[in-house]
């Protein structure tokens, strides 16, 4: 076949493919109603509204002028994290190193057992565990990560920041006698 014959056949094919066929309208009596679908779920709260790192009291997060990341107990449970290394994947700017609870924040390395001031419990620096063990998260209500120069308020002035573990209370409401 010559090129002109192929061109004509190709043009006919394109014309036939682009030509609309007969279109029939759908009749009005074929409308179907679908059943209503209701979805119920329990609410998981990942957001926390208060922090205690700076003021050492329960302060609304919006009223703190520092950069604080709060990791709630629900997040810890959903991640099934039991140590700081396992939780460091959701902490911005925190990199867990292998070893005895060592990690780096914003490029500054801190070794927890040797008192570099990076970790506090309820706002107070202290070692609740053996020197070779990482802090465990089984009794932690929330983890607060305070970044930057505001961390000078704590311990020896950790330049990268401070990680504060807020421990669980034995009861939800305060009681007085």
N, C-alpha and C. Protein backbone atom coordinates (compact mmCIF):
# COMPACT_ATOMS: atom_id res chain seq x y z
N UNK A 1 0.84 -1.18 0.00
CA UNK A 1 0.00 0.00 0.00
C UNK A 1 0.87 1.24 0.00
N UNK A 2 0.36 2.21 -0.66
CA UNK A 2 1.13 3.45 -0.73
C UNK A 2 0.82 4.32 0.49
N UNK A 3 1.62 5.34 0.64
CA UNK A 3 1.45 6.25 1.79
C UNK A 3 0.12 6.99 1.72
N UNK A 4 -0.31 7.34 0.52
CA UNK A 4 -1.57 8.09 0.40
C UNK A 4 -2.76 7.21 0.77
N UNK A 5 -2.71 5.93 0.42
CA UNK A 5 -3.80 5.02 0.78
C UNK A 5 -3.85 4.83 2.30
N UNK A 6 -2.68 4.68 2.91
CA UNK A 6 -2.62 4.56 4.37
C UNK A 6 -3.13 5.82 5.06
N UNK A 7 -2.81 6.96 4.50
CA UNK A 7 -3.26 8.23 5.08
C UNK A 7 -4.77 8.34 5.01
N UNK A 8 -5.35 7.93 3.87
CA UNK A 8 -6.80 8.00 3.72
C UNK A 8 -7.49 7.04 4.69
N UNK A 9 -6.96 5.82 4.82
CA UNK A 9 -7.54 4.85 5.75
C UNK A 9 -7.44 5.35 7.20
N UNK A 10 -6.33 5.93 7.52
CA UNK A 10 -6.14 6.46 8.87
C UNK A 10 -7.10 7.61 9.15
N UNK A 11 -7.33 8.49 8.18
CA UNK A 11 -8.25 9.60 8.33
C UNK A 11 -9.68 9.09 8.51
N UNK A 12 -10.05 8.05 7.74
CA UNK A 12 -11.39 7.47 7.87
C UNK A 12 -11.57 6.85 9.27
N UNK A 13 -10.53 6.19 9.74
CA UNK A 13 -10.58 5.59 11.08
C UNK A 13 -10.76 6.64 12.17
N UNK A 14 -10.03 7.72 12.06
CA UNK A 14 -10.14 8.81 13.04
C UNK A 14 -11.53 9.43 12.99
N UNK A 15 -12.06 9.63 11.77
CA UNK A 15 -13.39 10.23 11.63
C UNK A 15 -14.45 9.30 12.21
N UNK A 16 -14.33 8.02 11.96
CA UNK A 16 -15.32 7.06 12.46
C UNK A 16 -15.25 6.95 13.99
N UNK A 17 -14.05 7.04 14.55
CA UNK A 17 -13.90 6.96 16.00
C UNK A 17 -14.39 8.19 16.72
N UNK A 18 -14.33 9.34 16.05
CA UNK A 18 -14.75 10.57 16.71
C UNK A 18 -16.22 10.88 16.47
N UNK A 19 -16.87 10.13 15.60
CA UNK A 19 -18.29 10.37 15.30
C UNK A 19 -19.14 9.82 16.44
N UNK A 20 -19.96 10.69 17.06
CA UNK A 20 -20.77 10.21 18.18
C UNK A 20 -21.86 9.27 17.71
N UNK A 21 -22.08 8.25 18.49
CA UNK A 21 -23.15 7.31 18.18
C UNK A 21 -24.46 7.82 18.70
N UNK A 22 -25.47 7.03 18.59
CA UNK A 22 -26.78 7.41 19.07
C UNK A 22 -26.78 7.28 20.59
N UNK A 23 -27.20 8.33 21.27
CA UNK A 23 -27.21 8.35 22.72
C UNK A 23 -28.66 8.30 23.18
N UNK A 24 -28.94 7.37 24.09
CA UNK A 24 -30.29 7.24 24.62
C UNK A 24 -30.30 7.79 26.04
N UNK A 25 -31.31 8.56 26.34
CA UNK A 25 -31.46 9.10 27.69
C UNK A 25 -31.99 8.02 28.61
N UNK A 26 -31.58 8.10 29.88
CA UNK A 26 -32.03 7.14 30.87
C UNK A 26 -33.44 7.53 31.33
N UNK A 27 -34.28 6.55 31.48
CA UNK A 27 -35.64 6.86 31.89
C UNK A 27 -35.65 7.29 33.36
N UNK A 28 -36.63 8.10 33.73
CA UNK A 28 -36.70 8.68 35.06
C UNK A 28 -37.08 7.67 36.14
N UNK A 29 -37.68 6.56 35.79
CA UNK A 29 -38.15 5.62 36.79
C UNK A 29 -37.05 4.66 37.28
N UNK A 30 -35.82 4.81 36.83
CA UNK A 30 -34.74 3.90 37.24
C UNK A 30 -33.87 4.48 38.36
N UNK A 31 -34.31 5.55 39.01
CA UNK A 31 -33.55 6.15 40.10
C UNK A 31 -33.68 5.26 41.34
N UNK A 32 -32.54 4.92 41.94
CA UNK A 32 -32.54 4.06 43.13
C UNK A 32 -32.05 4.84 44.33
N UNK A 33 -32.63 4.58 45.46
CA UNK A 33 -32.21 5.20 46.72
C UNK A 33 -31.23 4.26 47.42
N UNK A 34 -30.14 4.83 47.93
CA UNK A 34 -29.16 4.04 48.67
C UNK A 34 -29.45 4.15 50.17
N UNK A 35 -29.05 3.12 50.89
CA UNK A 35 -29.25 3.12 52.33
C UNK A 35 -28.27 4.10 52.99
N UNK A 36 -28.71 4.67 54.09
CA UNK A 36 -27.85 5.59 54.84
C UNK A 36 -26.77 4.80 55.57
N UNK A 37 -25.54 5.29 55.50
CA UNK A 37 -24.41 4.64 56.15
C UNK A 37 -23.98 5.51 57.33
N UNK A 38 -23.93 4.92 58.52
CA UNK A 38 -23.53 5.63 59.73
C UNK A 38 -22.24 4.99 60.24
N UNK A 39 -21.23 5.81 60.47
CA UNK A 39 -19.94 5.32 60.96
C UNK A 39 -19.72 5.87 62.37
N UNK A 40 -19.51 4.97 63.30
CA UNK A 40 -19.23 5.35 64.69
C UNK A 40 -17.83 4.88 65.05
N UNK A 41 -17.10 5.72 65.75
CA UNK A 41 -15.76 5.35 66.18
C UNK A 41 -15.45 6.06 67.49
N UNK A 42 -14.51 5.54 68.21
CA UNK A 42 -14.09 6.20 69.43
C UNK A 42 -13.03 7.25 69.09
N UNK A 43 -13.04 8.31 69.83
CA UNK A 43 -12.12 9.42 69.59
C UNK A 43 -10.80 9.17 70.31
N UNK A 44 -9.71 9.15 69.56
CA UNK A 44 -8.39 9.01 70.18
C UNK A 44 -7.78 10.41 70.26
N UNK A 45 -7.39 10.79 71.43
CA UNK A 45 -6.88 12.15 71.62
C UNK A 45 -5.36 12.15 71.56
N UNK A 46 -4.84 12.71 70.47
CA UNK A 46 -3.39 12.84 70.34
C UNK A 46 -2.91 14.21 70.79
N UNK A 47 -3.81 15.16 70.85
CA UNK A 47 -3.45 16.52 71.19
C UNK A 47 -3.62 16.74 72.69
N UNK A 48 -2.65 17.36 73.30
CA UNK A 48 -2.77 17.73 74.70
C UNK A 48 -2.84 19.24 74.80
N UNK A 49 -3.55 19.72 75.79
CA UNK A 49 -3.78 21.15 75.91
C UNK A 49 -2.89 21.84 76.92
N UNK A 50 -2.27 21.08 77.83
CA UNK A 50 -1.47 21.70 78.88
C UNK A 50 -0.07 21.11 78.92
N UNK A 51 0.87 21.92 79.40
CA UNK A 51 2.25 21.48 79.60
C UNK A 51 2.69 21.92 80.99
N UNK A 52 3.72 21.25 81.50
CA UNK A 52 4.23 21.62 82.82
C UNK A 52 5.73 21.84 82.82
N UNK A 53 6.36 21.87 81.67
CA UNK A 53 7.81 21.97 81.59
C UNK A 53 8.32 23.33 82.07
N UNK A 54 7.79 24.39 81.57
CA UNK A 54 8.31 25.73 81.85
C UNK A 54 7.91 26.22 83.23
N UNK A 55 6.62 26.21 83.51
CA UNK A 55 6.14 26.81 84.76
C UNK A 55 6.06 25.82 85.91
N UNK A 56 6.24 24.55 85.62
CA UNK A 56 6.10 23.47 86.60
C UNK A 56 4.69 23.40 87.18
N UNK A 57 3.75 24.00 86.49
CA UNK A 57 2.32 23.87 86.79
C UNK A 57 1.63 23.56 85.46
N UNK A 58 0.40 23.09 85.53
CA UNK A 58 -0.33 22.79 84.31
C UNK A 58 -0.75 24.10 83.64
N UNK A 59 -0.02 24.48 82.59
CA UNK A 59 -0.24 25.73 81.87
C UNK A 59 -0.78 25.40 80.48
N UNK A 60 -1.77 26.16 79.99
CA UNK A 60 -2.24 25.92 78.62
C UNK A 60 -1.09 26.07 77.61
N UNK A 61 -1.08 25.18 76.64
CA UNK A 61 0.00 25.15 75.66
C UNK A 61 0.08 26.45 74.86
N UNK A 62 -1.06 27.08 74.61
CA UNK A 62 -1.06 28.33 73.84
C UNK A 62 -0.45 29.50 74.61
N UNK A 63 -0.34 29.40 75.93
CA UNK A 63 0.21 30.49 76.73
C UNK A 63 1.69 30.33 77.01
N UNK A 64 2.34 29.34 76.44
CA UNK A 64 3.78 29.17 76.63
C UNK A 64 4.51 29.76 75.43
N UNK A 65 5.45 30.67 75.64
CA UNK A 65 6.13 31.33 74.52
C UNK A 65 7.26 30.50 73.91
N UNK A 66 7.51 29.31 74.42
CA UNK A 66 8.61 28.50 73.92
C UNK A 66 8.10 27.46 72.92
N UNK A 67 9.05 26.88 72.20
CA UNK A 67 8.74 25.82 71.25
C UNK A 67 8.72 24.49 72.00
N UNK A 68 7.52 23.98 72.25
CA UNK A 68 7.36 22.74 73.01
C UNK A 68 6.55 21.76 72.18
N UNK A 69 7.05 20.55 72.05
CA UNK A 69 6.30 19.47 71.42
C UNK A 69 5.83 18.54 72.52
N UNK A 70 4.54 18.23 72.53
CA UNK A 70 3.97 17.36 73.56
C UNK A 70 3.52 16.07 72.90
N UNK A 71 4.00 14.95 73.43
CA UNK A 71 3.61 13.64 72.94
C UNK A 71 2.71 13.02 74.00
N UNK A 72 1.47 12.78 73.63
CA UNK A 72 0.47 12.32 74.60
C UNK A 72 0.62 10.83 74.91
N UNK A 73 -0.06 10.42 75.95
CA UNK A 73 -0.04 9.02 76.35
C UNK A 73 -0.67 8.14 75.28
N UNK A 74 -1.69 8.66 74.58
CA UNK A 74 -2.34 7.88 73.52
C UNK A 74 -1.37 7.62 72.37
N UNK A 75 -0.53 8.60 72.05
CA UNK A 75 0.49 8.40 71.01
C UNK A 75 1.49 7.34 71.44
N UNK A 76 1.91 7.38 72.69
CA UNK A 76 2.86 6.38 73.20
C UNK A 76 2.25 4.99 73.13
N UNK A 77 0.98 4.87 73.50
CA UNK A 77 0.31 3.56 73.45
C UNK A 77 0.15 3.06 72.03
N UNK A 78 -0.22 3.95 71.10
CA UNK A 78 -0.42 3.53 69.72
C UNK A 78 0.88 3.14 69.04
N UNK A 79 1.98 3.80 69.42
CA UNK A 79 3.29 3.44 68.85
C UNK A 79 3.88 2.21 69.54
N UNK A 80 3.31 1.81 70.66
CA UNK A 80 3.82 0.71 71.48
C UNK A 80 5.28 0.95 71.86
N UNK A 81 5.57 2.20 72.18
CA UNK A 81 6.93 2.58 72.55
C UNK A 81 7.14 2.30 74.03
N UNK A 82 8.29 1.73 74.35
CA UNK A 82 8.60 1.47 75.76
C UNK A 82 9.86 2.19 76.21
N UNK A 83 10.65 2.72 75.28
CA UNK A 83 11.87 3.45 75.63
C UNK A 83 11.93 4.75 74.83
N UNK A 84 12.86 5.60 75.21
CA UNK A 84 13.06 6.87 74.52
C UNK A 84 13.51 6.65 73.08
N UNK A 85 14.32 5.64 72.83
CA UNK A 85 14.77 5.37 71.46
C UNK A 85 13.60 5.05 70.54
N UNK A 86 12.62 4.30 71.03
CA UNK A 86 11.46 3.95 70.22
C UNK A 86 10.56 5.16 69.99
N UNK A 87 10.56 6.10 70.90
CA UNK A 87 9.71 7.28 70.79
C UNK A 87 10.36 8.39 69.98
N UNK A 88 11.67 8.31 69.77
CA UNK A 88 12.38 9.40 69.09
C UNK A 88 11.97 9.57 67.63
N UNK A 89 11.27 8.59 67.06
CA UNK A 89 10.84 8.72 65.66
C UNK A 89 9.78 9.80 65.49
N UNK A 90 9.03 10.14 66.53
CA UNK A 90 8.01 11.18 66.42
C UNK A 90 8.45 12.49 67.06
N UNK A 91 9.65 12.53 67.61
CA UNK A 91 10.17 13.76 68.21
C UNK A 91 10.97 14.53 67.15
N UNK A 92 10.52 15.72 66.84
CA UNK A 92 11.20 16.52 65.85
C UNK A 92 12.53 17.03 66.39
N UNK A 93 13.60 16.82 65.65
CA UNK A 93 14.91 17.31 66.04
C UNK A 93 15.63 16.45 67.05
N UNK A 94 15.09 15.30 67.42
CA UNK A 94 15.72 14.40 68.38
C UNK A 94 16.13 13.13 67.66
N UNK A 95 17.40 12.77 67.82
CA UNK A 95 17.92 11.55 67.19
C UNK A 95 18.49 10.67 68.28
N UNK A 96 17.94 9.47 68.40
CA UNK A 96 18.43 8.53 69.41
C UNK A 96 19.66 7.82 68.88
N UNK A 97 20.68 7.76 69.70
CA UNK A 97 21.91 7.05 69.35
C UNK A 97 21.90 5.71 70.05
N UNK A 98 22.68 4.80 69.53
CA UNK A 98 22.78 3.51 70.22
C UNK A 98 23.61 3.71 71.48
N UNK A 99 23.30 2.96 72.47
CA UNK A 99 24.07 3.08 73.71
C UNK A 99 23.18 3.34 74.90
N UNK A 100 23.78 3.85 75.94
CA UNK A 100 23.11 4.00 77.23
C UNK A 100 22.25 5.25 77.29
N UNK A 101 21.17 5.28 76.55
CA UNK A 101 20.26 6.41 76.62
C UNK A 101 20.81 7.69 76.02
N UNK A 102 21.79 7.60 75.17
CA UNK A 102 22.35 8.82 74.58
C UNK A 102 21.51 9.22 73.38
N UNK A 103 21.38 10.50 73.19
CA UNK A 103 20.64 11.03 72.06
C UNK A 103 21.17 12.42 71.76
N UNK A 104 20.78 12.94 70.61
CA UNK A 104 21.19 14.30 70.26
C UNK A 104 19.96 15.12 69.92
N UNK A 105 20.01 16.38 70.33
CA UNK A 105 18.94 17.33 70.06
C UNK A 105 19.53 18.54 69.38
N UNK A 106 19.03 18.84 68.20
CA UNK A 106 19.48 20.00 67.44
C UNK A 106 21.00 20.00 67.27
N UNK A 107 21.59 18.82 67.15
CA UNK A 107 23.02 18.69 66.92
C UNK A 107 23.87 18.58 68.16
N UNK A 108 23.30 18.76 69.34
CA UNK A 108 24.04 18.65 70.59
C UNK A 108 23.79 17.27 71.20
N UNK A 109 24.87 16.55 71.49
CA UNK A 109 24.74 15.21 72.04
C UNK A 109 24.70 15.28 73.55
N UNK A 110 23.79 14.51 74.13
CA UNK A 110 23.68 14.45 75.58
C UNK A 110 23.63 13.01 76.04
N UNK A 111 24.36 12.71 77.08
CA UNK A 111 24.35 11.38 77.65
C UNK A 111 23.60 11.44 78.96
N UNK A 112 22.46 10.81 79.01
CA UNK A 112 21.58 10.91 80.16
C UNK A 112 22.23 10.48 81.47
N UNK A 113 22.89 9.34 81.54
CA UNK A 113 23.37 8.91 82.85
C UNK A 113 24.43 9.81 83.46
N UNK A 114 25.14 10.56 82.64
CA UNK A 114 26.26 11.34 83.15
C UNK A 114 25.88 12.78 83.48
N UNK A 115 24.59 13.08 83.48
CA UNK A 115 24.11 14.36 83.99
C UNK A 115 24.33 15.54 83.08
N UNK A 116 24.05 15.40 81.79
CA UNK A 116 24.21 16.55 80.90
C UNK A 116 22.99 17.46 80.93
N UNK A 117 21.96 17.07 81.66
CA UNK A 117 20.81 17.94 81.83
C UNK A 117 19.78 17.88 80.74
N UNK A 118 19.79 16.88 79.91
CA UNK A 118 18.83 16.81 78.83
C UNK A 118 17.48 16.22 79.25
N UNK A 119 17.43 15.40 80.26
CA UNK A 119 16.19 14.73 80.65
C UNK A 119 15.78 15.13 82.06
N UNK A 120 14.49 15.47 82.21
CA UNK A 120 13.94 15.77 83.53
C UNK A 120 12.67 14.95 83.73
N UNK A 121 12.31 14.75 85.00
CA UNK A 121 11.09 14.05 85.36
C UNK A 121 10.22 15.00 86.16
N UNK A 122 9.04 15.31 85.65
CA UNK A 122 8.13 16.30 86.25
C UNK A 122 8.83 17.64 86.46
N UNK A 123 9.72 18.00 85.56
CA UNK A 123 10.42 19.27 85.62
C UNK A 123 11.64 19.30 86.50
N UNK A 124 11.98 18.18 87.14
CA UNK A 124 13.12 18.12 88.05
C UNK A 124 14.13 17.14 87.49
N UNK A 125 15.38 17.58 87.44
CA UNK A 125 16.43 16.70 86.94
C UNK A 125 16.70 15.60 87.95
N UNK A 126 16.76 14.39 87.48
CA UNK A 126 17.03 13.28 88.38
C UNK A 126 17.11 11.98 87.62
N UNK A 127 17.70 10.99 88.26
CA UNK A 127 17.88 9.69 87.65
C UNK A 127 16.97 8.70 88.37
N UNK A 128 15.88 8.31 87.70
CA UNK A 128 14.96 7.35 88.30
C UNK A 128 15.33 5.92 87.96
N UNK A 129 16.32 5.74 87.11
CA UNK A 129 16.68 4.41 86.64
C UNK A 129 18.16 4.18 86.87
N UNK A 130 18.58 2.97 86.61
CA UNK A 130 20.00 2.66 86.70
C UNK A 130 20.77 3.48 85.68
N UNK A 131 22.04 3.68 85.90
CA UNK A 131 22.83 4.54 85.01
C UNK A 131 22.93 3.97 83.61
N UNK A 132 22.77 2.68 83.43
CA UNK A 132 22.92 2.10 82.10
C UNK A 132 21.59 1.85 81.41
N UNK A 133 20.50 2.32 81.99
CA UNK A 133 19.20 2.03 81.44
C UNK A 133 18.54 3.29 80.92
N UNK A 134 17.80 3.16 79.82
CA UNK A 134 17.04 4.28 79.29
C UNK A 134 15.77 4.47 80.10
N UNK A 135 15.24 5.69 80.12
CA UNK A 135 13.96 5.90 80.81
C UNK A 135 12.86 5.09 80.15
N UNK A 136 12.09 4.36 80.95
CA UNK A 136 10.99 3.56 80.43
C UNK A 136 9.71 4.39 80.43
N UNK A 137 8.80 4.06 79.55
CA UNK A 137 7.61 4.88 79.35
C UNK A 137 6.34 4.27 79.94
N UNK A 138 6.45 3.25 80.76
CA UNK A 138 5.24 2.59 81.27
C UNK A 138 4.47 3.46 82.26
N UNK A 139 5.12 4.37 82.95
CA UNK A 139 4.43 5.23 83.92
C UNK A 139 4.44 6.70 83.50
N UNK A 140 4.55 6.95 82.20
CA UNK A 140 4.63 8.32 81.69
C UNK A 140 3.27 8.74 81.15
N UNK A 141 2.81 9.90 81.58
CA UNK A 141 1.54 10.45 81.10
C UNK A 141 1.75 11.18 79.78
N UNK A 142 2.79 11.98 79.68
CA UNK A 142 3.13 12.65 78.43
C UNK A 142 4.60 13.01 78.43
N UNK A 143 5.14 13.21 77.24
CA UNK A 143 6.53 13.59 77.07
C UNK A 143 6.55 14.96 76.43
N UNK A 144 7.29 15.89 77.03
CA UNK A 144 7.38 17.25 76.53
C UNK A 144 8.80 17.51 76.06
N UNK A 145 8.93 17.99 74.84
CA UNK A 145 10.24 18.28 74.27
C UNK A 145 10.36 19.79 74.13
N UNK A 146 11.26 20.37 74.92
CA UNK A 146 11.52 21.82 74.90
C UNK A 146 12.80 22.04 74.12
N UNK A 147 12.71 22.78 73.02
CA UNK A 147 13.87 22.97 72.15
C UNK A 147 14.43 24.38 72.29
N UNK A 148 15.71 24.47 72.04
CA UNK A 148 16.34 25.76 71.90
C UNK A 148 16.84 26.39 73.18
N UNK A 149 17.12 27.70 73.12
CA UNK A 149 17.75 28.39 74.23
C UNK A 149 16.88 28.50 75.48
N UNK A 150 15.59 28.23 75.38
CA UNK A 150 14.74 28.26 76.58
C UNK A 150 15.12 27.14 77.54
N UNK A 151 15.85 26.15 77.07
CA UNK A 151 16.26 25.04 77.93
C UNK A 151 17.32 25.46 78.94
N UNK A 152 17.84 26.67 78.84
CA UNK A 152 18.83 27.17 79.80
C UNK A 152 18.21 27.27 81.19
N UNK A 153 16.89 27.37 81.26
CA UNK A 153 16.21 27.43 82.55
C UNK A 153 16.38 26.16 83.37
N UNK A 154 16.77 25.07 82.72
CA UNK A 154 16.88 23.78 83.38
C UNK A 154 18.31 23.35 83.53
N UNK A 155 18.60 22.70 84.61
CA UNK A 155 19.85 22.00 84.90
C UNK A 155 21.07 22.82 84.54
N UNK A 156 21.93 22.25 83.72
CA UNK A 156 23.21 22.88 83.39
C UNK A 156 23.14 23.67 82.09
N UNK A 157 21.95 24.03 81.67
CA UNK A 157 21.81 24.81 80.46
C UNK A 157 22.04 24.00 79.21
N UNK A 158 21.25 22.98 79.00
CA UNK A 158 21.39 22.13 77.82
C UNK A 158 21.10 22.96 76.57
N UNK A 159 22.07 23.15 75.68
CA UNK A 159 21.87 24.04 74.54
C UNK A 159 20.89 23.52 73.50
N UNK A 160 20.76 22.21 73.38
CA UNK A 160 19.85 21.66 72.38
C UNK A 160 18.41 21.63 72.82
N UNK A 161 18.19 21.41 74.09
CA UNK A 161 16.84 21.34 74.62
C UNK A 161 16.74 20.35 75.76
N UNK A 162 15.52 20.19 76.25
CA UNK A 162 15.25 19.33 77.39
C UNK A 162 14.06 18.44 77.06
N UNK A 163 14.14 17.18 77.47
CA UNK A 163 13.01 16.27 77.37
C UNK A 163 12.48 16.06 78.78
N UNK A 164 11.21 16.41 78.98
CA UNK A 164 10.59 16.28 80.29
C UNK A 164 9.56 15.16 80.24
N UNK A 165 9.68 14.21 81.17
CA UNK A 165 8.70 13.14 81.31
C UNK A 165 7.73 13.53 82.41
N UNK A 166 6.46 13.71 82.06
CA UNK A 166 5.44 13.95 83.06
C UNK A 166 4.89 12.60 83.48
N UNK A 167 5.12 12.25 84.74
CA UNK A 167 4.73 10.93 85.23
C UNK A 167 3.25 10.90 85.59
N UNK A 168 2.67 9.71 85.54
CA UNK A 168 1.25 9.54 85.85
C UNK A 168 1.01 9.80 87.33
N UNK A 169 -0.14 10.38 87.64
CA UNK A 169 -0.57 10.56 89.02
C UNK A 169 -1.33 9.32 89.47
N UNK A 170 -1.36 9.08 90.75
CA UNK A 170 -2.07 7.91 91.25
C UNK A 170 -3.58 8.08 91.20
N UNK A 171 -4.07 9.32 91.13
CA UNK A 171 -5.50 9.55 90.98
C UNK A 171 -5.70 10.73 90.03
N UNK A 172 -6.87 10.75 89.38
CA UNK A 172 -7.13 11.77 88.38
C UNK A 172 -7.42 13.14 88.99
N UNK A 173 -8.12 13.17 90.13
CA UNK A 173 -8.48 14.44 90.73
C UNK A 173 -7.72 14.64 92.04
N UNK A 174 -7.43 15.88 92.33
CA UNK A 174 -6.75 16.19 93.58
C UNK A 174 -7.69 15.96 94.76
N UNK A 175 -7.15 15.46 95.84
CA UNK A 175 -7.96 15.27 97.04
C UNK A 175 -7.23 15.91 98.22
N UNK A 176 -7.99 16.52 99.09
CA UNK A 176 -7.42 17.22 100.24
C UNK A 176 -8.09 16.70 101.51
N UNK A 177 -7.36 16.71 102.61
CA UNK A 177 -7.97 16.29 103.87
C UNK A 177 -7.70 17.32 104.95
